[in-house]
Amino acid sequence: MGLNCTKTCRESGVCIWCLEECYTKVCKCSYAHKECSVSLCKQGCICRICNTRFRHSWFLQSLPKTTIEDEQIELMLQARSQNVVRKKRYAYRCWANTFFPVFILYLKRHNARPRNMIISLETVTEDMSNQRSLAQFMMNQCWKQDEIDEHMNMVCTIVDTYNIMDLKIKKELLKCFKKHCR
């Protein structure tokens, strides 16, 4: 009394690449489609969980056909994420163009040569007396206290998140820093 193995009675999982439902295993513990296994093998052919090689064979299930609606939704999501990155880049650029001229002037007044942006920012954030000294210098340059607080919070955010920041935003910050260092 064997069961007829169709997709309804087969064990299914989620493809580790595209996160769609999948019925074929690419290793002992993970599911993947034929097209997804090609992408997996480009990144590394060994599963990080069970340490076995990924199979890239003819018997793997193909990706399900995408509908026009799915493609339109995907394009819309990509456009939104690009807009978010553009807005962040613009915000960081505006911030850098207002903060870095005063910050570099502050560093030069204290006989520091600003060569590395992140090290210079870390120097200010690691010690409270440096923060107070920069805040006082900014007040002497006619900055208001709420502007100073906002910019110091941004400096702390940049120092904390610099390693995981988007590459385009990093380049934008470095470009502004180097422009004002001249």
C-alpha atoms as a PDB file:
ATOM      1  CA  MET A   1       0.000   0.000   0.000  1.00  0.00           C
ATOM      2  CA  GLY A   2       2.438   2.600  -1.198  1.00  0.00           C
ATOM      3  CA  LEU A   3       1.584   6.238  -1.201  1.00  0.00           C
ATOM      4  CA  ASN A   4       1.614   8.190  -4.394  1.00  0.00           C
ATOM      5  CA  CYS A   5       4.331  10.794  -3.798  1.00  0.00           C
ATOM      6  CA  THR A   6       3.050  14.074  -5.114  1.00  0.00           C
ATOM      7  CA  LYS A   7       3.890  17.557  -3.956  1.00  0.00           C
ATOM      8  CA  THR A   8       1.074  17.439  -1.430  1.00  0.00           C
ATOM      9  CA  CYS A   9       2.458  14.490   0.533  1.00  0.00           C
ATOM     10  CA  ARG A  10       6.187  15.172   0.079  1.00  0.00           C
ATOM     11  CA  GLU A  11       8.143  16.800   2.841  1.00  0.00           C
ATOM     12  CA  SER A  12       8.681  20.432   1.927  1.00  0.00           C
ATOM     13  CA  GLY A  13      10.856  23.205   3.211  1.00  0.00           C
ATOM     14  CA  VAL A  14      11.922  26.711   2.393  1.00  0.00           C
ATOM     15  CA  CYS A  15      14.668  27.386  -0.132  1.00  0.00           C
ATOM     16  CA  ILE A  16      17.679  28.800   1.707  1.00  0.00           C
ATOM     17  CA  TRP A  17      18.364  31.253  -1.133  1.00  0.00           C
ATOM     18  CA  CYS A  18      15.022  32.665  -2.321  1.00  0.00           C
ATOM     19  CA  LEU A  19      12.852  31.696   0.697  1.00  0.00           C
ATOM     20  CA  GLU A  20      10.163  30.156  -1.528  1.00  0.00           C
ATOM     21  CA  GLU A  21       8.603  26.748  -0.848  1.00  0.00           C
ATOM     22  CA  CYS A  22      10.809  23.936  -2.141  1.00  0.00           C
ATOM     23  CA  TYR A  23      10.665  20.130  -2.224  1.00  0.00           C
ATOM     24  CA  THR A  24      14.261  19.148  -3.055  1.00  0.00           C
ATOM     25  CA  LYS A  25      17.195  19.088  -0.670  1.00  0.00           C
ATOM     26  CA  VAL A  26      20.511  20.488  -1.710  1.00  0.00           C
ATOM     27  CA  CYS A  27      22.296  18.923   1.299  1.00  0.00           C
ATOM     28  CA  LYS A  28      21.323  16.914   4.384  1.00  0.00           C
ATOM     29  CA  CYS A  29      19.513  19.799   6.064  1.00  0.00           C
ATOM     30  CA  SER A  30      18.653  22.487   3.513  1.00  0.00           C
ATOM     31  CA  TYR A  31      16.270  22.903   0.597  1.00  0.00           C
ATOM     32  CA  ALA A  32      17.050  24.778  -2.626  1.00  0.00           C
ATOM     33  CA  HIS A  33      15.878  25.154  -6.185  1.00  0.00           C
ATOM     34  CA  LYS A  34      18.060  24.325  -9.178  1.00  0.00           C
ATOM     35  CA  GLU A  35      18.695  27.992 -10.028  1.00  0.00           C
ATOM     36  CA  CYS A  36      19.306  28.888  -6.392  1.00  0.00           C
ATOM     37  CA  SER A  37      21.887  26.114  -5.977  1.00  0.00           C
ATOM     38  CA  VAL A  38      23.966  27.726  -8.738  1.00  0.00           C
ATOM     39  CA  SER A  39      24.035  30.970  -6.737  1.00  0.00           C
ATOM     40  CA  LEU A  40      24.840  29.047  -3.547  1.00  0.00           C
ATOM     41  CA  CYS A  41      27.781  27.304  -5.178  1.00  0.00           C
ATOM     42  CA  LYS A  42      29.191  30.662  -6.266  1.00  0.00           C
ATOM     43  CA  GLN A  43      29.342  31.745  -2.610  1.00  0.00           C
ATOM     44  CA  GLY A  44      30.684  28.464  -1.288  1.00  0.00           C
ATOM     45  CA  CYS A  45      29.775  24.863  -1.941  1.00  0.00           C
ATOM     46  CA  ILE A  46      29.657  23.702   1.687  1.00  0.00           C
ATOM     47  CA  CYS A  47      26.650  23.998   4.001  1.00  0.00           C
ATOM     48  CA  ARG A  48      27.469  25.953   7.156  1.00  0.00           C
ATOM     49  CA  ILE A  49      25.106  23.821   9.238  1.00  0.00           C
ATOM     50  CA  CYS A  50      25.865  20.201   8.307  1.00  0.00           C
ATOM     51  CA  ASN A  51      29.265  20.751   6.600  1.00  0.00           C
ATOM     52  CA  THR A  52      28.336  18.759   3.489  1.00  0.00           C
ATOM     53  CA  ARG A  53      28.742  19.822  -0.123  1.00  0.00           C
ATOM     54  CA  PHE A  54      25.758  21.282  -1.918  1.00  0.00           C
ATOM     55  CA  ARG A  55      24.336  19.186  -4.730  1.00  0.00           C
ATOM     56  CA  HIS A  56      23.878  20.846  -8.069  1.00  0.00           C
ATOM     57  CA  SER A  57      22.071  18.286 -10.143  1.00  0.00           C
ATOM     58  CA  TRP A  58      19.357  17.823 -12.678  1.00  0.00           C
ATOM     59  CA  PHE A  59      16.927  16.420 -10.090  1.00  0.00           C
ATOM     60  CA  LEU A  60      16.580  19.666  -8.119  1.00  0.00           C
ATOM     61  CA  GLN A  61      13.251  21.434  -8.463  1.00  0.00           C
ATOM     62  CA  SER A  62      13.152  24.515 -10.700  1.00  0.00           C
ATOM     63  CA  LEU A  63      12.012  27.868  -9.408  1.00  0.00           C
ATOM     64  CA  PRO A  64       8.275  28.454  -9.727  1.00  0.00           C
ATOM     65  CA  LYS A  65       7.234  30.795 -12.519  1.00  0.00           C
ATOM     66  CA  THR A  66       6.836  34.375 -11.391  1.00  0.00           C
ATOM     67  CA  THR A  67       3.801  36.327 -12.379  1.00  0.00           C
ATOM     68  CA  ILE A  68       3.798  39.826 -13.805  1.00  0.00           C
ATOM     69  CA  GLU A  69       2.321  41.105 -10.541  1.00  0.00           C
ATOM     70  CA  ASP A  70       5.203  39.570  -8.550  1.00  0.00           C
ATOM     71  CA  GLU A  71       7.750  41.183 -10.860  1.00  0.00           C
ATOM     72  CA  GLN A  72       6.031  44.562 -10.546  1.00  0.00           C
ATOM     73  CA  ILE A  73       5.977  44.289  -6.756  1.00  0.00           C
ATOM     74  CA  GLU A  74       9.665  43.347  -6.721  1.00  0.00           C
ATOM     75  CA  LEU A  75      10.555  46.311  -8.946  1.00  0.00           C
ATOM     76  CA  MET A  76       8.529  48.630  -6.725  1.00  0.00           C
ATOM     77  CA  LEU A  77      10.299  47.350  -3.591  1.00  0.00           C
ATOM     78  CA  GLN A  78      13.704  47.806  -5.230  1.00  0.00           C
ATOM     79  CA  ALA A  79      12.794  51.372  -6.203  1.00  0.00           C
ATOM     80  CA  ARG A  80      11.650  52.126  -2.648  1.00  0.00           C
ATOM     81  CA  SER A  81      14.843  50.749  -1.121  1.00  0.00           C
ATOM     82  CA  GLN A  82      16.923  52.798  -3.572  1.00  0.00           C
ATOM     83  CA  ASN A  83      14.956  55.902  -2.601  1.00  0.00           C
ATOM     84  CA  VAL A  84      15.584  55.225   1.082  1.00  0.00           C
ATOM     85  CA  VAL A  85      19.335  54.914   0.450  1.00  0.00           C
ATOM     86  CA  ARG A  86      19.319  58.119  -1.614  1.00  0.00           C
ATOM     87  CA  LYS A  87      17.510  60.001   1.160  1.00  0.00           C
ATOM     88  CA  LYS A  88      19.988  58.727   3.750  1.00  0.00           C
ATOM     89  CA  ARG A  89      22.930  59.724   1.548  1.00  0.00           C
ATOM     90  CA  TYR A  90      21.457  63.192   1.087  1.00  0.00           C
ATOM     91  CA  ALA A  91      20.838  63.578   4.817  1.00  0.00           C
ATOM     92  CA  TYR A  92      24.382  62.482   5.681  1.00  0.00           C
ATOM     93  CA  ARG A  93      25.812  64.782   2.974  1.00  0.00           C
ATOM     94  CA  CYS A  94      23.903  67.782   4.355  1.00  0.00           C
ATOM     95  CA  TRP A  95      24.997  66.917   7.875  1.00  0.00           C
ATOM     96  CA  ALA A  96      28.632  66.485   6.829  1.00  0.00           C
ATOM     97  CA  ASN A  97      28.731  69.772   4.928  1.00  0.00           C
ATOM     98  CA  THR A  98      27.553  71.662   8.007  1.00  0.00           C
ATOM     99  CA  PHE A  99      29.512  69.760  10.674  1.00  0.00           C
ATOM    100  CA  PHE A 100      32.890  68.943   9.098  1.00  0.00           C
ATOM    101  CA  PRO A 101      34.077  72.534   8.431  1.00  0.00           C
ATOM    102  CA  VAL A 102      33.673  73.428  12.101  1.00  0.00           C
ATOM    103  CA  PHE A 103      34.993  70.054  13.272  1.00  0.00           C
ATOM    104  CA  ILE A 104      38.157  70.290  11.161  1.00  0.00           C
ATOM    105  CA  LEU A 105      38.738  73.851  12.290  1.00  0.00           C
ATOM    106  CA  TYR A 106      38.416  72.599  15.880  1.00  0.00           C
ATOM    107  CA  LEU A 107      40.954  69.824  15.232  1.00  0.00           C
ATOM    108  CA  LYS A 108      43.414  72.220  13.615  1.00  0.00           C
ATOM    109  CA  ARG A 109      43.107  74.669  16.520  1.00  0.00           C
ATOM    110  CA  HIS A 110      44.146  71.820  18.816  1.00  0.00           C
ATOM    111  CA  ASN A 111      47.128  70.952  16.592  1.00  0.00           C
ATOM    112  CA  ALA A 112      45.594  67.698  15.400  1.00  0.00           C
ATOM    113  CA  ARG A 113      46.010  66.698  11.789  1.00  0.00           C
ATOM    114  CA  PRO A 114      42.728  65.266  10.588  1.00  0.00           C
ATOM    115  CA  ARG A 115      43.691  62.374   8.318  1.00  0.00           C
ATOM    116  CA  ASN A 116      41.246  59.631   9.231  1.00  0.00           C
ATOM    117  CA  MET A 117      37.612  60.612   9.640  1.00  0.00           C
ATOM    118  CA  ILE A 118      36.484  57.788  11.912  1.00  0.00           C
ATOM    119  CA  ILE A 119      39.514  58.074  14.229  1.00  0.00           C
ATOM    120  CA  SER A 120      38.953  61.824  14.523  1.00  0.00           C
ATOM    121  CA  LEU A 121      35.287  61.314  15.385  1.00  0.00           C
ATOM    122  CA  GLU A 122      36.115  58.544  17.873  1.00  0.00           C
ATOM    123  CA  THR A 123      38.609  60.842  19.586  1.00  0.00           C
ATOM    124  CA  VAL A 124      35.836  63.321  20.294  1.00  0.00           C
ATOM    125  CA  THR A 125      33.262  60.758  21.413  1.00  0.00           C
ATOM    126  CA  GLU A 126      35.459  58.672  23.703  1.00  0.00           C
ATOM    127  CA  ASP A 127      36.149  61.396  26.237  1.00  0.00           C
ATOM    128  CA  MET A 128      33.555  63.684  27.797  1.00  0.00           C
ATOM    129  CA  SER A 129      36.009  66.569  28.121  1.00  0.00           C
ATOM    130  CA  ASN A 130      36.637  66.424  24.358  1.00  0.00           C
ATOM    131  CA  GLN A 131      32.881  66.538  23.752  1.00  0.00           C
ATOM    132  CA  ARG A 132      32.510  69.562  26.027  1.00  0.00           C
ATOM    133  CA  SER A 133      35.465  71.273  24.392  1.00  0.00           C
ATOM    134  CA  LEU A 134      34.014  70.730  20.898  1.00  0.00           C
ATOM    135  CA  ALA A 135      30.585  71.896  22.086  1.00  0.00           C
ATOM    136  CA  GLN A 136      32.103  75.068  23.518  1.00  0.00           C
ATOM    137  CA  PHE A 137      34.023  75.669  20.303  1.00  0.00           C
ATOM    138  CA  MET A 138      30.820  75.241  18.294  1.00  0.00           C
ATOM    139  CA  MET A 139      29.014  77.710  20.577  1.00  0.00           C
ATOM    140  CA  ASN A 140      31.818  80.195  19.960  1.00  0.00           C
ATOM    141  CA  GLN A 141      31.087  79.713  16.234  1.00  0.00           C
ATOM    142  CA  CYS A 142      27.441  80.812  16.877  1.00  0.00           C
ATOM    143  CA  TRP A 143      25.864  77.353  16.956  1.00  0.00           C
ATOM    144  CA  LYS A 144      22.791  76.831  19.116  1.00  0.00           C
ATOM    145  CA  GLN A 145      22.732  74.201  21.860  1.00  0.00           C
ATOM    146  CA  ASP A 146      20.026  72.083  20.209  1.00  0.00           C
ATOM    147  CA  GLU A 147      22.018  72.045  16.931  1.00  0.00           C
ATOM    148  CA  ILE A 148      25.121  70.968  18.839  1.00  0.00           C
ATOM    149  CA  ASP A 149      23.230  68.178  20.605  1.00  0.00           C
ATOM    150  CA  GLU A 150      21.778  66.971  17.304  1.00  0.00           C
ATOM    151  CA  HIS A 151      25.195  66.924  15.628  1.00  0.00           C
ATOM    152  CA  MET A 152      26.875  65.197  18.573  1.00  0.00           C
ATOM    153  CA  ASN A 153      24.168  62.500  18.513  1.00  0.00           C
ATOM    154  CA  MET A 154      24.864  62.048  14.796  1.00  0.00           C
ATOM    155  CA  VAL A 155      28.595  61.736  15.498  1.00  0.00           C
ATOM    156  CA  CYS A 156      27.912  59.025  18.087  1.00  0.00           C
ATOM    157  CA  THR A 157      25.607  57.233  15.635  1.00  0.00           C
ATOM    158  CA  ILE A 158      28.246  57.322  12.896  1.00  0.00           C
ATOM    159  CA  VAL A 159      30.963  56.027  15.225  1.00  0.00           C
ATOM    160  CA  ASP A 160      28.722  53.204  16.474  1.00  0.00           C
ATOM    161  CA  THR A 161      27.353  52.117  13.087  1.00  0.00           C
ATOM    162  CA  TYR A 162      30.262  52.889  10.738  1.00  0.00           C
ATOM    163  CA  ASN A 163      31.221  49.237  10.204  1.00  0.00           C
ATOM    164  CA  ILE A 164      27.713  48.244   9.096  1.00  0.00           C
ATOM    165  CA  MET A 165      26.906  51.434   7.217  1.00  0.00           C
ATOM    166  CA  ASP A 166      26.061  51.362   3.515  1.00  0.00           C
ATOM    167  CA  LEU A 167      29.190  51.681   1.357  1.00  0.00           C
ATOM    168  CA  LYS A 168      27.789  54.632  -0.606  1.00  0.00           C
ATOM    169  CA  ILE A 169      27.097  56.534   2.602  1.00  0.00           C
ATOM    170  CA  LYS A 170      30.639  55.831   3.846  1.00  0.00           C
ATOM    171  CA  LYS A 171      32.088  57.144   0.588  1.00  0.00           C
ATOM    172  CA  GLU A 172      29.897  60.238   0.796  1.00  0.00           C
ATOM    173  CA  LEU A 173      31.069  60.983   4.355  1.00  0.00           C
ATOM    174  CA  LEU A 174      34.729  60.422   3.462  1.00  0.00           C
ATOM    175  CA  LYS A 175      34.391  62.626   0.389  1.00  0.00           C
ATOM    176  CA  CYS A 176      32.948  65.476   2.473  1.00  0.00           C
ATOM    177  CA  PHE A 177      35.583  65.001   5.166  1.00  0.00           C
ATOM    178  CA  LYS A 178      38.466  65.132   2.663  1.00  0.00           C
ATOM    179  CA  LYS A 179      36.918  68.115   0.860  1.00  0.00           C
ATOM    180  CA  HIS A 180      36.892  70.131   4.078  1.00  0.00           C
ATOM    181  CA  CYS A 181      40.356  68.978   5.192  1.00  0.00           C
ATOM    182  CA  ARG A 182      42.086  70.888   2.405  1.00  0.00           C
END
